[in-house]
């Protein structure tokens, strides 16, 4: 997750000044309903996820 300091260091903290965002301030909007695995990964750091189906409803 770029900006939060999670993930591959050269992509998430390229200038060594991060993390730029607090995980508790991150929201993931528009993940496809079928990406169950991706939602599980986001649940570990307790990032709220809103699926495309929920947005359309």
Protein backbone atom coordinates (compact mmCIF):
# COMPACT_ATOMS: atom_id res chain seq x y z
CA UNK A 1 0.00 0.00 0.00
CA UNK A 2 1.85 3.02 -1.21
CA UNK A 3 1.96 5.81 1.29
CA UNK A 4 1.38 3.66 4.38
CA UNK A 5 4.83 2.10 4.49
CA UNK A 6 3.40 -1.38 3.82
CA UNK A 7 4.77 -3.35 0.90
CA UNK A 8 7.87 -3.25 -1.24
CA UNK A 9 10.06 -0.51 0.27
CA UNK A 10 11.24 1.08 -3.01
CA UNK A 11 7.58 1.51 -4.03
CA UNK A 12 6.05 2.45 -0.68
CA UNK A 13 8.78 4.77 0.60
CA UNK A 14 10.88 5.89 -2.38
CA UNK A 15 12.38 8.99 -0.75
CA UNK A 16 12.75 7.54 2.74
CA UNK A 17 10.36 10.09 4.23
CA UNK A 18 7.36 7.84 4.81
CA UNK A 19 5.04 6.60 5.84
CA UNK A 20 2.97 9.37 4.32
CA UNK A 21 -0.44 8.10 5.48
CA UNK A 22 -1.67 6.49 8.67
CA UNK A 23 -3.30 3.12 7.98
CA UNK A 24 -6.33 4.14 10.04
CA UNK A 25 -6.94 7.04 7.61
CA UNK A 26 -6.99 4.83 4.49
CA UNK A 27 -10.20 3.66 2.76
CA UNK A 28 -10.36 1.35 -0.26
CA UNK A 29 -13.20 2.23 -2.62
CA UNK A 30 -14.21 0.29 -5.69
CA UNK A 31 -12.70 -3.17 -5.24
CA UNK A 32 -14.47 -5.73 -7.40
CA UNK A 33 -16.90 -7.96 -5.54
CA UNK A 34 -15.12 -11.11 -6.78
CA UNK A 35 -11.75 -10.17 -5.24
CA UNK A 36 -12.31 -11.99 -1.96
CA UNK A 37 -8.58 -12.60 -1.47
CA UNK A 38 -7.79 -8.89 -1.82
CA UNK A 39 -10.42 -7.97 0.74
CA UNK A 40 -8.99 -10.44 3.23
CA UNK A 41 -5.55 -8.84 2.85
CA UNK A 42 -7.05 -5.42 3.60
CA UNK A 43 -8.91 -6.75 6.64
CA UNK A 44 -5.69 -7.52 8.53
CA UNK A 45 -4.75 -3.84 8.99
CA UNK A 46 -8.50 -3.06 9.41
CA UNK A 47 -8.78 -0.93 6.26
CA UNK A 48 -12.46 -0.33 5.42
CA UNK A 49 -13.37 -1.69 1.98
CA UNK A 50 -16.33 -0.65 -0.18
CA UNK A 51 -17.01 -2.94 -3.13
CA UNK A 52 -18.21 -1.88 -6.57
CA UNK A 53 -21.51 -3.63 -5.88
CA UNK A 54 -22.04 -1.62 -2.73
CA UNK A 55 -21.26 1.64 -4.54
CA UNK A 56 -23.71 0.78 -7.33
CA UNK A 57 -26.44 -0.09 -4.80
